[in-house]
N, C-alpha and C. Protein backbone atom coordinates (compact mmCIF):
# COMPACT_ATOMS: atom_id res chain seq x y z
N MET A 1 0.84 -1.16 0.00
CA MET A 1 0.00 0.00 0.00
C MET A 1 0.90 1.23 0.00
N THR A 2 0.52 2.23 -0.77
CA THR A 2 1.32 3.46 -0.85
C THR A 2 0.87 4.43 0.23
N ALA A 3 1.69 5.47 0.45
CA ALA A 3 1.40 6.47 1.48
C ALA A 3 0.09 7.21 1.20
N SER A 4 -0.33 7.30 -0.07
CA SER A 4 -1.56 8.02 -0.39
C SER A 4 -2.81 7.18 -0.16
N GLN A 5 -2.64 5.88 0.03
CA GLN A 5 -3.78 5.01 0.28
C GLN A 5 -4.03 4.90 1.78
N SER A 6 -5.27 4.67 2.14
CA SER A 6 -5.58 4.44 3.54
C SER A 6 -6.48 3.22 3.65
N GLN A 7 -6.44 2.62 4.80
CA GLN A 7 -7.26 1.43 5.05
C GLN A 7 -8.22 1.71 6.20
N THR A 8 -9.36 1.08 6.12
CA THR A 8 -10.27 1.04 7.25
C THR A 8 -10.38 -0.42 7.65
N LEU A 9 -10.07 -0.69 8.90
CA LEU A 9 -10.18 -2.05 9.42
C LEU A 9 -11.30 -2.06 10.46
N ARG A 10 -12.21 -2.99 10.29
CA ARG A 10 -13.32 -3.15 11.24
C ARG A 10 -13.16 -4.47 11.97
N VAL A 11 -13.36 -4.41 13.25
CA VAL A 11 -13.42 -5.60 14.09
C VAL A 11 -14.85 -5.66 14.59
N PHE A 12 -15.50 -6.81 14.48
CA PHE A 12 -16.90 -6.86 14.90
C PHE A 12 -17.23 -8.16 15.61
N ILE A 13 -18.28 -8.08 16.38
CA ILE A 13 -18.89 -9.25 17.02
C ILE A 13 -20.36 -9.18 16.66
N ARG A 14 -20.88 -10.24 16.09
CA ARG A 14 -22.27 -10.28 15.67
C ARG A 14 -23.07 -11.27 16.51
N ASP A 15 -24.18 -10.79 17.00
CA ASP A 15 -25.20 -11.62 17.65
C ASP A 15 -24.67 -12.45 18.81
N LEU A 16 -23.87 -11.82 19.67
CA LEU A 16 -23.41 -12.48 20.89
C LEU A 16 -24.60 -12.53 21.85
N GLU A 17 -25.03 -13.73 22.22
CA GLU A 17 -26.16 -13.87 23.14
C GLU A 17 -25.65 -14.25 24.52
N VAL A 18 -26.10 -13.48 25.51
CA VAL A 18 -25.75 -13.71 26.90
C VAL A 18 -27.02 -13.60 27.74
N LYS A 19 -26.98 -14.18 28.91
CA LYS A 19 -28.06 -14.01 29.88
C LYS A 19 -27.65 -12.86 30.80
N ALA A 20 -28.49 -11.85 30.89
CA ALA A 20 -28.15 -10.67 31.67
C ALA A 20 -29.22 -10.36 32.70
N GLN A 21 -28.77 -9.90 33.83
CA GLN A 21 -29.68 -9.36 34.85
C GLN A 21 -29.91 -7.90 34.46
N ILE A 22 -31.00 -7.64 33.75
CA ILE A 22 -31.24 -6.30 33.21
C ILE A 22 -32.72 -5.99 33.25
N GLY A 23 -33.03 -4.75 33.58
CA GLY A 23 -34.42 -4.31 33.54
C GLY A 23 -34.84 -3.57 34.79
N VAL A 24 -35.86 -2.72 34.64
CA VAL A 24 -36.37 -1.92 35.75
C VAL A 24 -37.67 -2.46 36.33
N HIS A 25 -38.33 -3.32 35.59
CA HIS A 25 -39.61 -3.85 36.06
C HIS A 25 -39.42 -4.93 37.12
N GLY A 26 -40.37 -5.04 38.00
CA GLY A 26 -40.29 -6.01 39.08
C GLY A 26 -40.06 -7.43 38.59
N TYR A 27 -40.74 -7.82 37.53
CA TYR A 27 -40.59 -9.18 37.01
C TYR A 27 -39.20 -9.42 36.40
N GLU A 28 -38.44 -8.34 36.14
CA GLU A 28 -37.10 -8.49 35.59
C GLU A 28 -36.04 -8.58 36.69
N GLN A 29 -36.39 -8.19 37.87
CA GLN A 29 -35.44 -8.21 38.99
C GLN A 29 -35.16 -9.66 39.40
N GLY A 30 -33.89 -10.02 39.43
CA GLY A 30 -33.50 -11.36 39.85
C GLY A 30 -33.67 -12.44 38.80
N ASN A 31 -34.09 -12.05 37.61
CA ASN A 31 -34.28 -13.01 36.53
C ASN A 31 -33.39 -12.65 35.35
N ALA A 32 -32.46 -13.54 35.03
CA ALA A 32 -31.61 -13.31 33.86
C ALA A 32 -32.46 -13.50 32.61
N GLN A 33 -32.23 -12.63 31.63
CA GLN A 33 -32.96 -12.74 30.38
C GLN A 33 -31.99 -12.66 29.21
N PRO A 34 -32.37 -13.22 28.07
CA PRO A 34 -31.47 -13.23 26.93
C PRO A 34 -31.30 -11.83 26.32
N VAL A 35 -30.05 -11.50 26.06
CA VAL A 35 -29.70 -10.23 25.44
C VAL A 35 -28.77 -10.54 24.27
N ARG A 36 -29.00 -9.89 23.15
CA ARG A 36 -28.13 -10.03 21.98
C ARG A 36 -27.30 -8.75 21.87
N ILE A 37 -25.99 -8.92 21.67
CA ILE A 37 -25.07 -7.78 21.62
C ILE A 37 -24.30 -7.82 20.31
N ASN A 38 -24.24 -6.65 19.66
CA ASN A 38 -23.45 -6.47 18.45
C ASN A 38 -22.49 -5.32 18.67
N VAL A 39 -21.25 -5.51 18.25
CA VAL A 39 -20.21 -4.50 18.40
C VAL A 39 -19.53 -4.33 17.04
N ASP A 40 -19.34 -3.09 16.64
CA ASP A 40 -18.63 -2.78 15.40
C ASP A 40 -17.60 -1.71 15.72
N LEU A 41 -16.32 -2.04 15.52
CA LEU A 41 -15.22 -1.14 15.85
C LEU A 41 -14.44 -0.78 14.59
N VAL A 42 -14.09 0.48 14.44
CA VAL A 42 -13.13 0.90 13.43
C VAL A 42 -11.81 1.07 14.18
N VAL A 43 -10.80 0.34 13.72
CA VAL A 43 -9.54 0.28 14.46
C VAL A 43 -8.36 0.64 13.58
N THR A 44 -7.27 1.00 14.23
CA THR A 44 -6.01 1.24 13.54
C THR A 44 -5.50 -0.09 13.02
N PRO A 45 -5.22 -0.19 11.72
CA PRO A 45 -4.70 -1.47 11.18
C PRO A 45 -3.32 -1.78 11.77
N PRO A 46 -2.99 -3.05 11.87
CA PRO A 46 -1.65 -3.42 12.36
C PRO A 46 -0.60 -3.04 11.32
N GLY A 47 0.64 -3.07 11.74
CA GLY A 47 1.75 -2.80 10.81
C GLY A 47 1.78 -3.84 9.70
N GLU A 48 2.48 -3.52 8.63
CA GLU A 48 2.52 -4.39 7.45
C GLU A 48 2.96 -5.82 7.76
N ASN A 49 3.93 -6.00 8.61
CA ASN A 49 4.46 -7.33 8.90
C ASN A 49 4.09 -7.81 10.29
N ASP A 50 3.04 -7.23 10.85
CA ASP A 50 2.63 -7.59 12.22
C ASP A 50 1.54 -8.66 12.15
N ASP A 51 1.95 -9.91 12.24
CA ASP A 51 1.03 -11.04 12.17
C ASP A 51 0.89 -11.67 13.56
N LYS A 52 0.83 -10.82 14.56
CA LYS A 52 0.75 -11.30 15.94
C LYS A 52 -0.53 -10.76 16.59
N LEU A 53 -1.13 -11.55 17.44
CA LEU A 53 -2.38 -11.17 18.10
C LEU A 53 -2.23 -9.88 18.90
N ALA A 54 -1.07 -9.68 19.51
CA ALA A 54 -0.85 -8.47 20.30
C ALA A 54 -0.90 -7.20 19.46
N GLY A 55 -0.78 -7.32 18.15
CA GLY A 55 -0.77 -6.16 17.27
C GLY A 55 -2.14 -5.73 16.78
N VAL A 56 -3.18 -6.43 17.21
CA VAL A 56 -4.53 -6.12 16.74
C VAL A 56 -5.49 -5.99 17.91
N VAL A 57 -6.66 -5.40 17.62
CA VAL A 57 -7.76 -5.39 18.60
C VAL A 57 -8.42 -6.76 18.49
N ASP A 58 -8.37 -7.51 19.57
CA ASP A 58 -8.79 -8.92 19.57
C ASP A 58 -10.27 -9.04 19.94
N TYR A 59 -11.07 -9.62 19.04
CA TYR A 59 -12.49 -9.76 19.32
C TYR A 59 -12.78 -10.70 20.47
N GLU A 60 -11.90 -11.65 20.74
CA GLU A 60 -12.11 -12.53 21.90
C GLU A 60 -11.95 -11.74 23.21
N THR A 61 -10.98 -10.83 23.24
CA THR A 61 -10.80 -9.97 24.41
C THR A 61 -12.03 -9.11 24.62
N ILE A 62 -12.56 -8.53 23.54
CA ILE A 62 -13.77 -7.71 23.64
C ILE A 62 -14.93 -8.57 24.15
N SER A 63 -15.07 -9.77 23.63
CA SER A 63 -16.13 -10.67 24.08
C SER A 63 -16.01 -10.97 25.57
N ASN A 64 -14.80 -11.22 26.04
CA ASN A 64 -14.59 -11.49 27.47
C ASN A 64 -14.91 -10.27 28.31
N GLN A 65 -14.60 -9.08 27.81
CA GLN A 65 -14.95 -7.85 28.54
C GLN A 65 -16.46 -7.70 28.63
N ILE A 66 -17.17 -7.98 27.56
CA ILE A 66 -18.63 -7.90 27.56
C ILE A 66 -19.20 -8.87 28.59
N ARG A 67 -18.71 -10.10 28.59
CA ARG A 67 -19.21 -11.10 29.55
C ARG A 67 -18.94 -10.68 30.99
N ALA A 68 -17.78 -10.05 31.23
CA ALA A 68 -17.45 -9.58 32.58
C ALA A 68 -18.38 -8.44 33.00
N ILE A 69 -18.70 -7.55 32.09
CA ILE A 69 -19.62 -6.44 32.39
C ILE A 69 -21.00 -7.00 32.74
N VAL A 70 -21.47 -7.95 31.95
CA VAL A 70 -22.78 -8.56 32.19
C VAL A 70 -22.78 -9.32 33.52
N ALA A 71 -21.69 -10.01 33.82
CA ALA A 71 -21.61 -10.82 35.05
C ALA A 71 -21.45 -9.98 36.31
N ALA A 72 -21.12 -8.70 36.17
CA ALA A 72 -20.85 -7.85 37.33
C ALA A 72 -22.09 -7.56 38.17
N GLY A 73 -23.27 -7.81 37.65
CA GLY A 73 -24.47 -7.61 38.44
C GLY A 73 -25.57 -6.92 37.66
N HIS A 74 -26.68 -6.69 38.35
CA HIS A 74 -27.89 -6.14 37.72
C HIS A 74 -27.64 -4.75 37.15
N ILE A 75 -28.17 -4.54 35.96
CA ILE A 75 -28.15 -3.24 35.28
C ILE A 75 -29.60 -2.90 34.96
N ASN A 76 -30.01 -1.69 35.30
CA ASN A 76 -31.40 -1.30 35.04
C ASN A 76 -31.70 -1.11 33.56
N LEU A 77 -30.84 -0.38 32.86
CA LEU A 77 -31.16 0.05 31.51
C LEU A 77 -30.24 -0.55 30.45
N ALA A 78 -30.81 -0.85 29.30
CA ALA A 78 -30.02 -1.29 28.16
C ALA A 78 -29.03 -0.18 27.77
N GLU A 79 -29.42 1.07 27.94
CA GLU A 79 -28.53 2.20 27.64
C GLU A 79 -27.27 2.15 28.50
N THR A 80 -27.43 1.77 29.75
CA THR A 80 -26.28 1.68 30.66
C THR A 80 -25.35 0.55 30.23
N LEU A 81 -25.91 -0.59 29.88
CA LEU A 81 -25.10 -1.71 29.41
C LEU A 81 -24.34 -1.31 28.14
N ALA A 82 -25.03 -0.67 27.21
CA ALA A 82 -24.38 -0.24 25.97
C ALA A 82 -23.24 0.73 26.26
N GLN A 83 -23.45 1.67 27.16
CA GLN A 83 -22.42 2.66 27.49
C GLN A 83 -21.20 1.99 28.12
N ARG A 84 -21.41 1.04 29.00
CA ARG A 84 -20.29 0.34 29.64
C ARG A 84 -19.47 -0.45 28.63
N ILE A 85 -20.14 -1.10 27.71
CA ILE A 85 -19.43 -1.85 26.67
C ILE A 85 -18.68 -0.89 25.76
N LEU A 86 -19.32 0.22 25.39
CA LEU A 86 -18.67 1.22 24.55
C LEU A 86 -17.40 1.74 25.21
N GLU A 87 -17.47 2.06 26.49
CA GLU A 87 -16.30 2.56 27.22
C GLU A 87 -15.18 1.51 27.27
N ALA A 88 -15.55 0.25 27.44
CA ALA A 88 -14.54 -0.81 27.46
C ALA A 88 -13.84 -0.91 26.10
N CYS A 89 -14.60 -0.77 25.03
CA CYS A 89 -14.02 -0.84 23.68
C CYS A 89 -13.09 0.35 23.44
N LEU A 90 -13.52 1.54 23.82
CA LEU A 90 -12.74 2.74 23.58
C LEU A 90 -11.54 2.87 24.51
N ALA A 91 -11.45 2.02 25.52
CA ALA A 91 -10.28 2.02 26.41
C ALA A 91 -9.02 1.62 25.65
N ASP A 92 -9.19 0.91 24.54
CA ASP A 92 -8.06 0.55 23.68
C ASP A 92 -7.84 1.72 22.72
N ALA A 93 -6.70 2.36 22.79
CA ALA A 93 -6.39 3.55 21.99
C ALA A 93 -6.42 3.27 20.49
N ARG A 94 -6.34 2.01 20.09
CA ARG A 94 -6.37 1.67 18.67
C ARG A 94 -7.78 1.74 18.09
N VAL A 95 -8.79 1.83 18.96
CA VAL A 95 -10.18 1.90 18.51
C VAL A 95 -10.51 3.35 18.18
N LYS A 96 -10.81 3.60 16.91
CA LYS A 96 -11.13 4.96 16.44
C LYS A 96 -12.60 5.30 16.67
N SER A 97 -13.45 4.32 16.50
CA SER A 97 -14.88 4.51 16.76
C SER A 97 -15.49 3.17 17.13
N ALA A 98 -16.59 3.25 17.86
CA ALA A 98 -17.27 2.04 18.31
C ALA A 98 -18.77 2.23 18.21
N LYS A 99 -19.45 1.17 17.81
CA LYS A 99 -20.91 1.14 17.80
C LYS A 99 -21.33 -0.11 18.54
N VAL A 100 -22.25 0.04 19.47
CA VAL A 100 -22.72 -1.07 20.29
C VAL A 100 -24.25 -1.11 20.21
N ARG A 101 -24.78 -2.29 19.92
CA ARG A 101 -26.23 -2.49 19.88
C ARG A 101 -26.60 -3.53 20.94
N ILE A 102 -27.58 -3.19 21.76
CA ILE A 102 -28.11 -4.09 22.78
C ILE A 102 -29.55 -4.41 22.42
N GLU A 103 -29.88 -5.68 22.35
CA GLU A 103 -31.24 -6.11 22.07
C GLU A 103 -31.73 -7.03 23.18
N LYS A 104 -32.78 -6.61 23.85
CA LYS A 104 -33.44 -7.50 24.81
C LYS A 104 -34.41 -8.36 24.01
N LEU A 105 -34.13 -9.65 24.00
CA LEU A 105 -34.94 -10.56 23.19
C LEU A 105 -36.29 -10.80 23.85
N HIS A 106 -37.32 -10.71 23.06
CA HIS A 106 -38.69 -10.98 23.51
C HIS A 106 -39.13 -10.02 24.61
N ALA A 107 -38.58 -8.80 24.63
CA ALA A 107 -38.96 -7.81 25.64
C ALA A 107 -40.36 -7.26 25.40
N LEU A 108 -40.76 -7.24 24.15
CA LEU A 108 -42.09 -6.74 23.80
C LEU A 108 -42.90 -7.85 23.15
N LYS A 109 -44.14 -7.96 23.55
CA LYS A 109 -45.01 -8.98 22.97
C LYS A 109 -45.11 -8.75 21.46
N GLY A 110 -44.84 -9.82 20.70
CA GLY A 110 -44.93 -9.77 19.26
C GLY A 110 -43.67 -9.27 18.56
N ALA A 111 -42.68 -8.83 19.32
CA ALA A 111 -41.43 -8.35 18.72
C ALA A 111 -40.30 -9.31 19.07
N GLN A 112 -39.43 -9.54 18.12
CA GLN A 112 -38.29 -10.41 18.38
C GLN A 112 -37.34 -9.76 19.37
N ALA A 113 -37.19 -8.44 19.29
CA ALA A 113 -36.25 -7.75 20.18
C ALA A 113 -36.59 -6.27 20.24
N ALA A 114 -36.11 -5.64 21.31
CA ALA A 114 -36.16 -4.19 21.46
C ALA A 114 -34.87 -3.77 22.13
N GLY A 115 -34.38 -2.59 21.81
CA GLY A 115 -33.12 -2.22 22.43
C GLY A 115 -32.62 -0.85 22.03
N VAL A 116 -31.31 -0.71 22.14
CA VAL A 116 -30.66 0.58 21.89
C VAL A 116 -29.38 0.36 21.11
N GLU A 117 -28.93 1.44 20.48
CA GLU A 117 -27.64 1.43 19.80
C GLU A 117 -26.96 2.75 20.12
N ILE A 118 -25.68 2.66 20.42
CA ILE A 118 -24.88 3.83 20.76
C ILE A 118 -23.61 3.80 19.93
N GLU A 119 -23.15 4.98 19.52
CA GLU A 119 -21.95 5.06 18.69
C GLU A 119 -21.13 6.26 19.14
N GLN A 120 -19.82 6.08 19.14
CA GLN A 120 -18.93 7.17 19.52
C GLN A 120 -17.62 7.07 18.75
N SER A 121 -17.12 8.21 18.32
CA SER A 121 -15.81 8.31 17.67
C SER A 121 -14.89 9.13 18.53
N ARG A 122 -13.60 8.96 18.31
CA ARG A 122 -12.61 9.78 19.02
C ARG A 122 -12.55 11.15 18.38
């Protein structure tokens, strides 16, 4: 690649399903429910000859961070969960922008999912 060319590298996680303690309603308190999470990151590409995991934003690391956030305890709002995941992603300086979508599955009668999406760039 020449100096005049630029690359956009995206790291993503699609349809990660976890059981989360989430919600403000009484029936949601103490009951884990299925949540689908999608993450889309624009990241700094690794160097030309950098074929090592340490040189990239690792989607497995992001997945483990998401699971740790969910396991930390009850969260009232999907917005709060999305913000915490977004902050974890942006903690890596190589992440230029992040988009996080949270879907509470079967939260509304007749709907497959309802949720929120948050996006932030540096």
